[in-house]
C-alpha atoms as a PDB file:
ATOM      1  CA  MET A   1      -0.021  -0.038   0.041  1.00  0.00           C
ATOM      2  CA  LYS A   2       1.458   3.292  -0.799  1.00  0.00           C
ATOM      3  CA  ILE A   3       1.024   6.025   1.774  1.00  0.00           C
ATOM      4  CA  LEU A   4       0.947   9.796   1.479  1.00  0.00           C
ATOM      5  CA  VAL A   5       1.474  11.806   4.562  1.00  0.00           C
ATOM      6  CA  LEU A   6       0.188  15.505   3.550  1.00  0.00           C
ATOM      7  CA  ASP A   7       2.311  17.649   6.153  1.00  0.00           C
ATOM      8  CA  ASN A   8       0.405  20.765   6.905  1.00  0.00           C
ATOM      9  CA  TYR A   9       3.466  22.388   8.341  1.00  0.00           C
ATOM     10  CA  ASP A  10       3.291  20.699  11.805  1.00  0.00           C
ATOM     11  CA  SER A  11       5.698  19.436  14.144  1.00  0.00           C
ATOM     12  CA  PHE A  12       3.716  16.513  14.930  1.00  0.00           C
ATOM     13  CA  THR A  13       3.687  15.299  11.381  1.00  0.00           C
ATOM     14  CA  TYR A  14       6.956  13.273  11.970  1.00  0.00           C
ATOM     15  CA  ASN A  15       5.680  11.730  14.948  1.00  0.00           C
ATOM     16  CA  LEU A  16       2.773  10.308  12.863  1.00  0.00           C
ATOM     17  CA  VAL A  17       5.496   9.150  10.194  1.00  0.00           C
ATOM     18  CA  HIS A  18       7.506   7.461  12.765  1.00  0.00           C
ATOM     19  CA  LEU A  19       4.325   5.493  13.987  1.00  0.00           C
ATOM     20  CA  LEU A  20       3.731   4.434  10.314  1.00  0.00           C
ATOM     21  CA  ARG A  21       7.252   3.479   9.693  1.00  0.00           C
ATOM     22  CA  GLU A  22       7.202   1.524  13.099  1.00  0.00           C
ATOM     23  CA  LEU A  23       4.154  -0.433  11.799  1.00  0.00           C
ATOM     24  CA  GLY A  24       6.162  -1.560   8.667  1.00  0.00           C
ATOM     25  CA  HIS A  25       5.053   1.177   6.106  1.00  0.00           C
ATOM     26  CA  GLY A  26       8.336   3.008   5.861  1.00  0.00           C
ATOM     27  CA  ALA A  27       9.232   1.602   2.216  1.00  0.00           C
ATOM     28  CA  ASN A  28       6.044   2.756   0.638  1.00  0.00           C
ATOM     29  CA  LEU A  29       5.632   6.118   2.599  1.00  0.00           C
ATOM     30  CA  THR A  30       6.078   9.720   1.108  1.00  0.00           C
ATOM     31  CA  VAL A  31       5.708  12.960   3.116  1.00  0.00           C
ATOM     32  CA  THR A  32       5.075  16.076   1.260  1.00  0.00           C
ATOM     33  CA  ARG A  33       3.987  19.612   2.371  1.00  0.00           C
ATOM     34  CA  ASN A  34       0.590  20.505   1.387  1.00  0.00           C
ATOM     35  CA  ASP A  35       1.833  23.082  -1.380  1.00  0.00           C
ATOM     36  CA  GLN A  36       4.476  21.064  -2.885  1.00  0.00           C
ATOM     37  CA  MET A  37       2.965  18.423  -4.902  1.00  0.00           C
ATOM     38  CA  PRO A  38       0.765  18.354  -7.909  1.00  0.00           C
ATOM     39  CA  LEU A  39      -2.821  17.421  -7.360  1.00  0.00           C
ATOM     40  CA  GLU A  40      -2.725  15.000  -9.976  1.00  0.00           C
ATOM     41  CA  ALA A  41       0.319  13.293  -8.280  1.00  0.00           C
ATOM     42  CA  VAL A  42      -1.791  12.285  -5.475  1.00  0.00           C
ATOM     43  CA  ALA A  43      -3.705   9.673  -7.491  1.00  0.00           C
ATOM     44  CA  ALA A  44      -0.484   7.389  -7.406  1.00  0.00           C
ATOM     45  CA  TYR A  45      -1.249   6.570  -3.506  1.00  0.00           C
ATOM     46  CA  ASP A  46      -3.789   4.061  -1.909  1.00  0.00           C
ATOM     47  CA  ALA A  47      -4.093   5.944   1.308  1.00  0.00           C
ATOM     48  CA  ILE A  48      -3.576   9.624   2.465  1.00  0.00           C
ATOM     49  CA  MET A  49      -2.919  10.858   5.907  1.00  0.00           C
ATOM     50  CA  LEU A  50      -3.778  14.563   6.404  1.00  0.00           C
ATOM     51  CA  SER A  51      -1.543  15.818   9.040  1.00  0.00           C
ATOM     52  CA  PRO A  52      -2.344  18.371  11.878  1.00  0.00           C
ATOM     53  CA  GLY A  53      -1.451  21.896  11.358  1.00  0.00           C
ATOM     54  CA  PRO A  54      -1.688  25.546  12.421  1.00  0.00           C
ATOM     55  CA  GLY A  55      -4.722  27.535  11.042  1.00  0.00           C
ATOM     56  CA  ILE A  56      -7.906  26.479   9.393  1.00  0.00           C
ATOM     57  CA  PRO A  57      -8.388  24.451   6.438  1.00  0.00           C
ATOM     58  CA  ALA A  58      -8.662  27.101   3.751  1.00  0.00           C
ATOM     59  CA  GLU A  59      -5.227  28.090   4.650  1.00  0.00           C
ATOM     60  CA  ALA A  60      -3.579  24.291   4.163  1.00  0.00           C
ATOM     61  CA  GLY A  61      -2.635  24.566   0.712  1.00  0.00           C
ATOM     62  CA  LEU A  62      -4.089  21.949  -1.403  1.00  0.00           C
ATOM     63  CA  MET A  63      -5.762  19.902   1.277  1.00  0.00           C
ATOM     64  CA  PRO A  64      -9.110  21.049   0.466  1.00  0.00           C
ATOM     65  CA  GLN A  65      -8.713  20.161  -3.446  1.00  0.00           C
ATOM     66  CA  ILE A  66      -7.305  16.846  -2.477  1.00  0.00           C
ATOM     67  CA  ILE A  67     -10.194  15.950  -0.140  1.00  0.00           C
ATOM     68  CA  LYS A  68     -12.757  16.904  -2.950  1.00  0.00           C
ATOM     69  CA  THR A  69     -10.789  14.954  -5.556  1.00  0.00           C
ATOM     70  CA  TYR A  70      -9.638  11.937  -3.758  1.00  0.00           C
ATOM     71  CA  ALA A  71     -12.284  11.174  -0.878  1.00  0.00           C
ATOM     72  CA  PRO A  72     -14.385   9.123  -3.240  1.00  0.00           C
ATOM     73  CA  THR A  73     -11.411   6.719  -4.193  1.00  0.00           C
ATOM     74  CA  LYS A  74      -9.087   6.827  -1.554  1.00  0.00           C
ATOM     75  CA  ARG A  75      -8.474   5.554   2.102  1.00  0.00           C
ATOM     76  CA  ILE A  76      -8.048   9.111   3.991  1.00  0.00           C
ATOM     77  CA  LEU A  77      -7.351   9.740   7.652  1.00  0.00           C
ATOM     78  CA  GLY A  78      -7.624  13.322   8.760  1.00  0.00           C
ATOM     79  CA  VAL A  79      -5.670  14.334  12.151  1.00  0.00           C
ATOM     80  CA  CYS A  80      -6.443  17.476  13.765  1.00  0.00           C
ATOM     81  CA  LEU A  81      -6.524  20.185  11.091  1.00  0.00           C
ATOM     82  CA  GLY A  82      -7.143  17.111   8.717  1.00  0.00           C
ATOM     83  CA  HIS A  83     -10.078  16.041  10.445  1.00  0.00           C
ATOM     84  CA  GLN A  84     -11.530  19.600  10.272  1.00  0.00           C
ATOM     85  CA  GLY A  85     -10.655  19.883   6.734  1.00  0.00           C
ATOM     86  CA  LEU A  86     -12.611  16.753   5.919  1.00  0.00           C
ATOM     87  CA  ALA A  87     -15.482  17.897   8.065  1.00  0.00           C
ATOM     88  CA  GLU A  88     -15.606  21.217   6.292  1.00  0.00           C
ATOM     89  CA  SER A  89     -15.464  19.623   2.845  1.00  0.00           C
ATOM     90  CA  PHE A  90     -18.625  17.394   3.591  1.00  0.00           C
ATOM     91  CA  GLY A  91     -20.538  20.650   4.743  1.00  0.00           C
ATOM     92  CA  ALA A  92     -19.806  20.778   8.697  1.00  0.00           C
ATOM     93  CA  THR A  93     -18.578  24.196  10.036  1.00  0.00           C
ATOM     94  CA  LEU A  94     -15.867  24.881  12.402  1.00  0.00           C
ATOM     95  CA  TYR A  95     -15.883  27.324  15.528  1.00  0.00           C
ATOM     96  CA  ASN A  96     -13.123  28.864  17.505  1.00  0.00           C
ATOM     97  CA  MET A  97     -13.427  27.420  20.838  1.00  0.00           C
ATOM     98  CA  PRO A  98     -13.597  29.667  23.760  1.00  0.00           C
ATOM     99  CA  ALA A  99     -10.838  27.757  25.726  1.00  0.00           C
ATOM    100  CA  VAL A 100      -7.862  26.415  23.793  1.00  0.00           C
ATOM    101  CA  LEU A 101      -6.700  22.491  24.270  1.00  0.00           C
ATOM    102  CA  HIS A 102      -3.060  22.248  23.799  1.00  0.00           C
ATOM    103  CA  GLY A 103      -1.577  19.383  25.609  1.00  0.00           C
ATOM    104  CA  VAL A 104      -4.859  18.347  27.180  1.00  0.00           C
ATOM    105  CA  ALA A 105      -5.726  14.803  27.915  1.00  0.00           C
ATOM    106  CA  ASN A 106      -9.356  14.205  27.718  1.00  0.00           C
ATOM    107  CA  GLU A 107     -11.826  11.052  27.714  1.00  0.00           C
ATOM    108  CA  ALA A 108     -13.184   9.891  24.460  1.00  0.00           C
ATOM    109  CA  GLU A 109     -16.128   7.808  24.138  1.00  0.00           C
ATOM    110  CA  VAL A 110     -16.585   5.590  21.258  1.00  0.00           C
ATOM    111  CA  THR A 111     -20.322   5.989  19.833  1.00  0.00           C
ATOM    112  CA  ALA A 112     -19.922   3.637  16.668  1.00  0.00           C
ATOM    113  CA  PRO A 113     -18.799   0.351  18.229  1.00  0.00           C
ATOM    114  CA  ASP A 114     -18.230  -1.239  14.857  1.00  0.00           C
ATOM    115  CA  GLU A 115     -15.715   1.554  13.739  1.00  0.00           C
ATOM    116  CA  ARG A 116     -12.716   0.032  12.357  1.00  0.00           C
ATOM    117  CA  LEU A 117     -10.367   2.660  13.817  1.00  0.00           C
ATOM    118  CA  PHE A 118     -11.296   1.525  17.517  1.00  0.00           C
ATOM    119  CA  ALA A 119     -11.421  -2.080  16.807  1.00  0.00           C
ATOM    120  CA  GLY A 120     -10.193  -3.871  19.840  1.00  0.00           C
ATOM    121  CA  LEU A 121     -10.272  -0.734  22.086  1.00  0.00           C
ATOM    122  CA  PRO A 122     -12.037  -0.323  25.191  1.00  0.00           C
ATOM    123  CA  PRO A 123     -15.305   1.885  24.645  1.00  0.00           C
ATOM    124  CA  ARG A 124     -13.407   4.863  26.338  1.00  0.00           C
ATOM    125  CA  PHE A 125     -10.028   5.836  26.469  1.00  0.00           C
ATOM    126  CA  GLN A 126      -7.714   9.263  27.020  1.00  0.00           C
ATOM    127  CA  VAL A 127      -6.825  11.207  24.084  1.00  0.00           C
ATOM    128  CA  GLY A 128      -4.340  13.948  23.482  1.00  0.00           C
ATOM    129  CA  ARG A 129      -5.782  17.186  22.183  1.00  0.00           C
ATOM    130  CA  TYR A 130      -3.947  20.403  20.717  1.00  0.00           C
ATOM    131  CA  HIS A 131      -6.525  22.414  18.881  1.00  0.00           C
ATOM    132  CA  SER A 132      -8.134  25.848  19.198  1.00  0.00           C
ATOM    133  CA  TRP A 133     -10.840  25.049  16.496  1.00  0.00           C
ATOM    134  CA  ALA A 134     -13.582  22.309  16.403  1.00  0.00           C
ATOM    135  CA  VAL A 135     -16.331  21.034  14.461  1.00  0.00           C
ATOM    136  CA  ARG A 136     -19.687  22.106  15.533  1.00  0.00           C
ATOM    137  CA  PRO A 137     -21.619  19.108  16.262  1.00  0.00           C
ATOM    138  CA  GLU A 138     -25.094  20.293  15.267  1.00  0.00           C
ATOM    139  CA  THR A 139     -23.657  20.822  11.533  1.00  0.00           C
ATOM    140  CA  MET A 140     -22.428  17.265  10.792  1.00  0.00           C
ATOM    141  CA  PRO A 141     -23.920  16.282   7.527  1.00  0.00           C
ATOM    142  CA  THR A 142     -25.823  13.029   7.246  1.00  0.00           C
ATOM    143  CA  GLU A 143     -23.096  11.469   5.210  1.00  0.00           C
ATOM    144  CA  LEU A 144     -20.630  11.695   8.259  1.00  0.00           C
ATOM    145  CA  GLU A 145     -21.265   9.747  11.345  1.00  0.00           C
ATOM    146  CA  THR A 146     -19.578  10.742  14.628  1.00  0.00           C
ATOM    147  CA  THR A 147     -17.618   7.642  15.743  1.00  0.00           C
ATOM    148  CA  ALA A 148     -16.306   9.195  19.171  1.00  0.00           C
ATOM    149  CA  ARG A 149     -17.206  12.260  21.397  1.00  0.00           C
ATOM    150  CA  ASP A 150     -15.980  13.911  24.472  1.00  0.00           C
ATOM    151  CA  ALA A 151     -18.118  14.278  27.703  1.00  0.00           C
ATOM    152  CA  ASN A 152     -19.348  17.748  26.151  1.00  0.00           C
ATOM    153  CA  GLY A 153     -20.590  16.197  23.245  1.00  0.00           C
ATOM    154  CA  GLU A 154     -17.472  17.339  20.938  1.00  0.00           C
ATOM    155  CA  VAL A 155     -16.721  15.470  17.775  1.00  0.00           C
ATOM    156  CA  LEU A 156     -13.657  13.738  18.418  1.00  0.00           C
ATOM    157  CA  ALA A 157     -13.928  11.067  15.459  1.00  0.00           C
ATOM    158  CA  PHE A 158     -15.944  10.365  12.619  1.00  0.00           C
ATOM    159  CA  ARG A 159     -16.430   8.438   9.421  1.00  0.00           C
ATOM    160  CA  HIS A 160     -17.908   8.986   6.152  1.00  0.00           C
ATOM    161  CA  ARG A 161     -20.830   6.681   5.494  1.00  0.00           C
ATOM    162  CA  GLN A 162     -19.953   5.674   1.908  1.00  0.00           C
ATOM    163  CA  PHE A 163     -16.210   6.475   1.305  1.00  0.00           C
ATOM    164  CA  ASP A 164     -13.218   5.177   3.293  1.00  0.00           C
ATOM    165  CA  VAL A 165     -12.851   8.480   4.740  1.00  0.00           C
ATOM    166  CA  ARG A 166     -12.219   8.882   8.856  1.00  0.00           C
ATOM    167  CA  GLY A 167     -11.234  12.160  10.965  1.00  0.00           C
ATOM    168  CA  VAL A 168      -9.777  12.236  14.472  1.00  0.00           C
ATOM    169  CA  GLN A 169      -9.826  15.462  16.123  1.00  0.00           C
ATOM    170  CA  PHE A 170      -7.251  14.313  18.756  1.00  0.00           C
ATOM    171  CA  HIS A 171      -3.386  13.323  18.161  1.00  0.00           C
ATOM    172  CA  PRO A 172      -3.044   9.444  17.869  1.00  0.00           C
ATOM    173  CA  GLU A 173       1.093   9.991  17.967  1.00  0.00           C
ATOM    174  CA  SER A 174       0.614  11.885  21.531  1.00  0.00           C
ATOM    175  CA  ILE A 175       1.777  10.323  24.378  1.00  0.00           C
ATOM    176  CA  LEU A 176      -1.412  11.599  26.077  1.00  0.00           C
ATOM    177  CA  THR A 177      -3.330   9.163  23.531  1.00  0.00           C
ATOM    178  CA  GLU A 178      -4.003   5.789  24.745  1.00  0.00           C
ATOM    179  CA  HIS A 179      -4.008   3.135  21.893  1.00  0.00           C
ATOM    180  CA  GLY A 180      -2.870   5.507  19.140  1.00  0.00           C
ATOM    181  CA  HIS A 181      -0.472   2.963  17.686  1.00  0.00           C
ATOM    182  CA  LYS A 182      -3.410   0.352  17.550  1.00  0.00           C
ATOM    183  CA  MET A 183      -5.491   3.171  15.937  1.00  0.00           C
ATOM    184  CA  LEU A 184      -3.063   3.529  13.034  1.00  0.00           C
ATOM    185  CA  GLU A 185      -2.792   0.025  12.816  1.00  0.00           C
ATOM    186  CA  ASN A 186      -6.538  -0.314  12.376  1.00  0.00           C
ATOM    187  CA  TRP A 187      -6.856   2.254   9.605  1.00  0.00           C
ATOM    188  CA  LEU A 188      -4.204   0.554   7.620  1.00  0.00           C
ATOM    189  CA  SER A 189      -5.736  -2.796   8.010  1.00  0.00           C
END
């Protein structure tokens, strides 16, 4: 499986890359910045990881166009900013949170027990959050299903009902996240 990691200019990107390499995917892994690859070149990959990053999805180079072009045909996992970009591309809206969460561990509750990403995980686990923007839960379109929430009802993970597309607001690569390694393994299985 050829994997593209779209780097949204974030220092956490290479922590994700490290985990993917630990899972045995180093030989078929390409990392590129969000403004340094032609859109058509993405077609050569089987799976796309949209990394965390600063700002909002509209400021993330080609990420919005990559989502619109390849979501119907590629396996995609969005992390943090990537999660927000996916949600926004399908019609959800974002809001600037009143309290920034940077390096905060919260409990996630799995709301879709059949979600592949969480296979073999307990129904509740700690996740590391590093964000100031979030998806407005009430704006989630019908084609997206929330698969994990926090105690306040914030969307921590979702999946597309027809495409092999998933997003996680938290950071699987963070030391604050339990089972992050297993989630990435599940994504690629």
